[in-house]
């Protein structure tokens, strides 16, 4: 079998059928979060850059509502994927597992998770407020090579 790019693309086209593609700019639809490109930059400390975890939950709610309004045959949906260009930390409150275990499919996620996060503004990839602390940890364990190689002796 000759597996050149055209053959592979044809095989994939037979296996995968894309019925719907939904996208949105959550920074436009969620402008009330007052972010700049999804980030909250601390004016008093340029090292602190955060995002509101609930903002991403609201974005997911908006996309799922758009999907619901299209009235697809949900029983035939095999998978849903998503992508974003923001990554950061999310800190759950104690007891959040109980909230997650009792979600109501008839309610929006952002309403149910509104009080599930212990930090309302979580650090994102642009944050460098912990650089000094990270440098101290790196020094304590023996330097960057030790961290990269995974041979930490404490």
C-alpha atoms as a PDB file:
ATOM      1  CA  UNK A   1       0.000   0.000   0.000  1.00  0.00           C
ATOM      2  CA  UNK A   2       1.345   3.402  -0.958  1.00  0.00           C
ATOM      3  CA  UNK A   3       0.847   5.758   2.019  1.00  0.00           C
ATOM      4  CA  UNK A   4       1.551   9.185   0.632  1.00  0.00           C
ATOM      5  CA  UNK A   5      -0.101  12.333   1.976  1.00  0.00           C
ATOM      6  CA  UNK A   6      -3.044  12.160  -0.439  1.00  0.00           C
ATOM      7  CA  UNK A   7      -3.789   8.539   0.534  1.00  0.00           C
ATOM      8  CA  UNK A   8      -3.626   9.309   4.225  1.00  0.00           C
ATOM      9  CA  UNK A   9      -5.866  12.364   3.834  1.00  0.00           C
ATOM     10  CA  UNK A  10      -8.392  10.285   1.874  1.00  0.00           C
ATOM     11  CA  UNK A  11      -8.365   7.562   4.548  1.00  0.00           C
ATOM     12  CA  UNK A  12      -8.934  10.136   7.273  1.00  0.00           C
ATOM     13  CA  UNK A  13     -11.751  11.767   5.295  1.00  0.00           C
ATOM     14  CA  UNK A  14     -13.520   8.399   5.136  1.00  0.00           C
ATOM     15  CA  UNK A  15     -13.090   7.762   8.856  1.00  0.00           C
ATOM     16  CA  UNK A  16     -13.804  11.191  10.281  1.00  0.00           C
ATOM     17  CA  UNK A  17     -16.736  13.377   9.371  1.00  0.00           C
ATOM     18  CA  UNK A  18     -16.739  16.906  10.727  1.00  0.00           C
ATOM     19  CA  UNK A  19     -20.349  17.967  10.979  1.00  0.00           C
ATOM     20  CA  UNK A  20     -20.029  21.186  12.945  1.00  0.00           C
ATOM     21  CA  UNK A  21     -17.310  23.523  14.021  1.00  0.00           C
ATOM     22  CA  UNK A  22     -18.050  26.092  16.687  1.00  0.00           C
ATOM     23  CA  UNK A  23     -15.706  28.814  17.727  1.00  0.00           C
ATOM     24  CA  UNK A  24     -15.889  32.085  19.542  1.00  0.00           C
ATOM     25  CA  UNK A  25     -13.709  34.786  20.953  1.00  0.00           C
ATOM     26  CA  UNK A  26     -14.456  34.587  24.658  1.00  0.00           C
ATOM     27  CA  UNK A  27     -12.713  37.902  25.265  1.00  0.00           C
ATOM     28  CA  UNK A  28     -15.331  39.593  23.083  1.00  0.00           C
ATOM     29  CA  UNK A  29     -18.327  37.701  24.461  1.00  0.00           C
ATOM     30  CA  UNK A  30     -17.080  37.987  28.026  1.00  0.00           C
ATOM     31  CA  UNK A  31     -15.847  41.573  27.899  1.00  0.00           C
ATOM     32  CA  UNK A  32     -17.248  42.169  31.390  1.00  0.00           C
ATOM     33  CA  UNK A  33     -14.217  40.264  32.732  1.00  0.00           C
ATOM     34  CA  UNK A  34     -12.149  43.307  31.700  1.00  0.00           C
ATOM     35  CA  UNK A  35      -9.169  41.347  30.473  1.00  0.00           C
ATOM     36  CA  UNK A  36      -6.622  42.209  27.856  1.00  0.00           C
ATOM     37  CA  UNK A  37      -6.384  39.149  25.616  1.00  0.00           C
ATOM     38  CA  UNK A  38      -7.716  37.019  28.466  1.00  0.00           C
ATOM     39  CA  UNK A  39      -5.192  38.276  31.012  1.00  0.00           C
ATOM     40  CA  UNK A  40      -5.519  40.531  34.021  1.00  0.00           C
ATOM     41  CA  UNK A  41      -2.285  42.458  34.495  1.00  0.00           C
ATOM     42  CA  UNK A  42      -1.629  43.842  37.963  1.00  0.00           C
ATOM     43  CA  UNK A  43      -0.876  47.556  37.587  1.00  0.00           C
ATOM     44  CA  UNK A  44       1.106  47.657  40.832  1.00  0.00           C
ATOM     45  CA  UNK A  45       3.243  44.566  40.100  1.00  0.00           C
ATOM     46  CA  UNK A  46       4.097  43.771  36.480  1.00  0.00           C
ATOM     47  CA  UNK A  47       5.127  40.218  37.437  1.00  0.00           C
ATOM     48  CA  UNK A  48       1.544  39.304  38.395  1.00  0.00           C
ATOM     49  CA  UNK A  49      -0.604  38.196  35.444  1.00  0.00           C
ATOM     50  CA  UNK A  50      -3.795  36.250  36.127  1.00  0.00           C
ATOM     51  CA  UNK A  51      -7.009  35.022  34.577  1.00  0.00           C
ATOM     52  CA  UNK A  52     -10.363  34.204  36.094  1.00  0.00           C
ATOM     53  CA  UNK A  53     -11.017  30.449  35.913  1.00  0.00           C
ATOM     54  CA  UNK A  54     -14.756  31.147  35.840  1.00  0.00           C
ATOM     55  CA  UNK A  55     -14.212  33.083  32.579  1.00  0.00           C
ATOM     56  CA  UNK A  56     -13.178  29.883  30.824  1.00  0.00           C
ATOM     57  CA  UNK A  57     -16.112  28.010  32.350  1.00  0.00           C
ATOM     58  CA  UNK A  58     -18.451  30.712  31.017  1.00  0.00           C
ATOM     59  CA  UNK A  59     -16.808  30.357  27.601  1.00  0.00           C
ATOM     60  CA  UNK A  60     -17.488  26.625  27.672  1.00  0.00           C
ATOM     61  CA  UNK A  61     -21.097  27.327  28.685  1.00  0.00           C
ATOM     62  CA  UNK A  62     -21.504  29.678  25.711  1.00  0.00           C
ATOM     63  CA  UNK A  63     -20.141  27.104  23.275  1.00  0.00           C
ATOM     64  CA  UNK A  64     -22.308  24.333  24.679  1.00  0.00           C
ATOM     65  CA  UNK A  65     -25.364  26.590  24.444  1.00  0.00           C
ATOM     66  CA  UNK A  66     -24.538  27.325  20.802  1.00  0.00           C
ATOM     67  CA  UNK A  67     -24.293  23.596  20.219  1.00  0.00           C
ATOM     68  CA  UNK A  68     -27.602  22.948  22.005  1.00  0.00           C
ATOM     69  CA  UNK A  69     -29.350  25.540  19.838  1.00  0.00           C
ATOM     70  CA  UNK A  70     -28.182  23.703  16.702  1.00  0.00           C
ATOM     71  CA  UNK A  71     -30.191  20.695  17.948  1.00  0.00           C
ATOM     72  CA  UNK A  72     -27.769  17.991  16.794  1.00  0.00           C
ATOM     73  CA  UNK A  73     -28.540  14.336  17.474  1.00  0.00           C
ATOM     74  CA  UNK A  74     -26.596  14.279  20.753  1.00  0.00           C
ATOM     75  CA  UNK A  75     -26.824  10.491  20.957  1.00  0.00           C
ATOM     76  CA  UNK A  76     -24.652  10.291  17.829  1.00  0.00           C
ATOM     77  CA  UNK A  77     -21.908  12.600  19.086  1.00  0.00           C
ATOM     78  CA  UNK A  78     -18.810  10.511  19.645  1.00  0.00           C
ATOM     79  CA  UNK A  79     -16.483  13.244  20.800  1.00  0.00           C
ATOM     80  CA  UNK A  80     -15.997  16.944  21.277  1.00  0.00           C
ATOM     81  CA  UNK A  81     -12.611  18.602  21.307  1.00  0.00           C
ATOM     82  CA  UNK A  82     -11.508  22.061  22.201  1.00  0.00           C
ATOM     83  CA  UNK A  83      -8.402  24.160  22.046  1.00  0.00           C
ATOM     84  CA  UNK A  84      -7.263  27.356  23.623  1.00  0.00           C
ATOM     85  CA  UNK A  85      -4.105  29.343  23.796  1.00  0.00           C
ATOM     86  CA  UNK A  86      -4.227  30.136  27.491  1.00  0.00           C
ATOM     87  CA  UNK A  87      -2.874  27.928  30.226  1.00  0.00           C
ATOM     88  CA  UNK A  88      -2.622  28.517  33.905  1.00  0.00           C
ATOM     89  CA  UNK A  89      -3.387  27.208  37.350  1.00  0.00           C
ATOM     90  CA  UNK A  90      -6.787  26.459  38.814  1.00  0.00           C
ATOM     91  CA  UNK A  91      -7.166  26.123  42.563  1.00  0.00           C
ATOM     92  CA  UNK A  92     -10.193  24.213  43.793  1.00  0.00           C
ATOM     93  CA  UNK A  93     -11.768  24.897  47.169  1.00  0.00           C
ATOM     94  CA  UNK A  94     -12.054  22.108  49.672  1.00  0.00           C
ATOM     95  CA  UNK A  95     -15.368  20.392  48.997  1.00  0.00           C
ATOM     96  CA  UNK A  96     -15.333  21.132  45.262  1.00  0.00           C
ATOM     97  CA  UNK A  97     -15.294  17.422  44.507  1.00  0.00           C
ATOM     98  CA  UNK A  98     -18.776  17.275  45.969  1.00  0.00           C
ATOM     99  CA  UNK A  99     -19.876  20.125  43.698  1.00  0.00           C
ATOM    100  CA  UNK A 100     -18.429  18.341  40.668  1.00  0.00           C
ATOM    101  CA  UNK A 101     -20.105  15.072  41.622  1.00  0.00           C
ATOM    102  CA  UNK A 102     -23.496  16.782  41.843  1.00  0.00           C
ATOM    103  CA  UNK A 103     -23.613  18.942  38.733  1.00  0.00           C
ATOM    104  CA  UNK A 104     -27.070  19.538  37.302  1.00  0.00           C
ATOM    105  CA  UNK A 105     -27.166  19.196  33.481  1.00  0.00           C
ATOM    106  CA  UNK A 106     -30.095  21.643  33.349  1.00  0.00           C
ATOM    107  CA  UNK A 107     -28.011  24.471  34.824  1.00  0.00           C
ATOM    108  CA  UNK A 108     -25.051  26.376  33.420  1.00  0.00           C
ATOM    109  CA  UNK A 109     -21.650  25.243  34.665  1.00  0.00           C
ATOM    110  CA  UNK A 110     -20.547  28.757  35.609  1.00  0.00           C
ATOM    111  CA  UNK A 111     -23.527  29.072  37.972  1.00  0.00           C
ATOM    112  CA  UNK A 112     -22.700  25.766  39.639  1.00  0.00           C
ATOM    113  CA  UNK A 113     -18.941  26.344  39.836  1.00  0.00           C
ATOM    114  CA  UNK A 114     -19.113  30.004  40.883  1.00  0.00           C
ATOM    115  CA  UNK A 115     -17.885  29.178  44.391  1.00  0.00           C
ATOM    116  CA  UNK A 116     -15.779  26.112  43.599  1.00  0.00           C
ATOM    117  CA  UNK A 117     -12.483  27.943  43.090  1.00  0.00           C
ATOM    118  CA  UNK A 118     -10.390  29.067  46.049  1.00  0.00           C
ATOM    119  CA  UNK A 119      -8.676  31.762  43.999  1.00  0.00           C
ATOM    120  CA  UNK A 120     -10.733  33.997  41.719  1.00  0.00           C
ATOM    121  CA  UNK A 121      -7.699  35.237  39.772  1.00  0.00           C
ATOM    122  CA  UNK A 122      -5.242  32.414  39.062  1.00  0.00           C
ATOM    123  CA  UNK A 123      -1.716  32.832  37.674  1.00  0.00           C
ATOM    124  CA  UNK A 124      -1.320  32.133  33.976  1.00  0.00           C
ATOM    125  CA  UNK A 125       1.653  31.421  31.744  1.00  0.00           C
ATOM    126  CA  UNK A 126       2.717  35.105  31.627  1.00  0.00           C
ATOM    127  CA  UNK A 127       2.960  35.373  35.427  1.00  0.00           C
ATOM    128  CA  UNK A 128       6.471  35.595  36.831  1.00  0.00           C
ATOM    129  CA  UNK A 129       5.611  36.512  40.421  1.00  0.00           C
ATOM    130  CA  UNK A 130       7.067  33.267  41.794  1.00  0.00           C
ATOM    131  CA  UNK A 131      10.395  33.434  39.940  1.00  0.00           C
ATOM    132  CA  UNK A 132      12.422  34.111  43.102  1.00  0.00           C
ATOM    133  CA  UNK A 133      10.753  31.209  44.924  1.00  0.00           C
ATOM    134  CA  UNK A 134      11.328  28.877  41.955  1.00  0.00           C
ATOM    135  CA  UNK A 135      14.986  29.941  41.810  1.00  0.00           C
ATOM    136  CA  UNK A 136      15.378  29.082  45.516  1.00  0.00           C
ATOM    137  CA  UNK A 137      13.807  25.645  45.009  1.00  0.00           C
ATOM    138  CA  UNK A 138      16.048  25.049  42.000  1.00  0.00           C
ATOM    139  CA  UNK A 139      19.120  26.017  44.017  1.00  0.00           C
ATOM    140  CA  UNK A 140      18.041  23.861  46.992  1.00  0.00           C
ATOM    141  CA  UNK A 141      17.681  20.695  44.897  1.00  0.00           C
ATOM    142  CA  UNK A 142      21.006  21.179  43.141  1.00  0.00           C
ATOM    143  CA  UNK A 143      20.398  23.304  40.075  1.00  0.00           C
ATOM    144  CA  UNK A 144      18.499  23.178  36.790  1.00  0.00           C
ATOM    145  CA  UNK A 145      20.252  20.042  35.539  1.00  0.00           C
ATOM    146  CA  UNK A 146      19.043  18.099  38.573  1.00  0.00           C
ATOM    147  CA  UNK A 147      15.457  19.216  37.970  1.00  0.00           C
ATOM    148  CA  UNK A 148      15.600  18.374  34.259  1.00  0.00           C
ATOM    149  CA  UNK A 149      17.193  14.966  34.844  1.00  0.00           C
ATOM    150  CA  UNK A 150      14.905  14.144  37.748  1.00  0.00           C
ATOM    151  CA  UNK A 151      17.655  13.081  40.137  1.00  0.00           C
ATOM    152  CA  UNK A 152      16.673  15.089  43.172  1.00  0.00           C
ATOM    153  CA  UNK A 153      18.315  14.119  46.452  1.00  0.00           C
ATOM    154  CA  UNK A 154      16.885  16.054  49.366  1.00  0.00           C
END
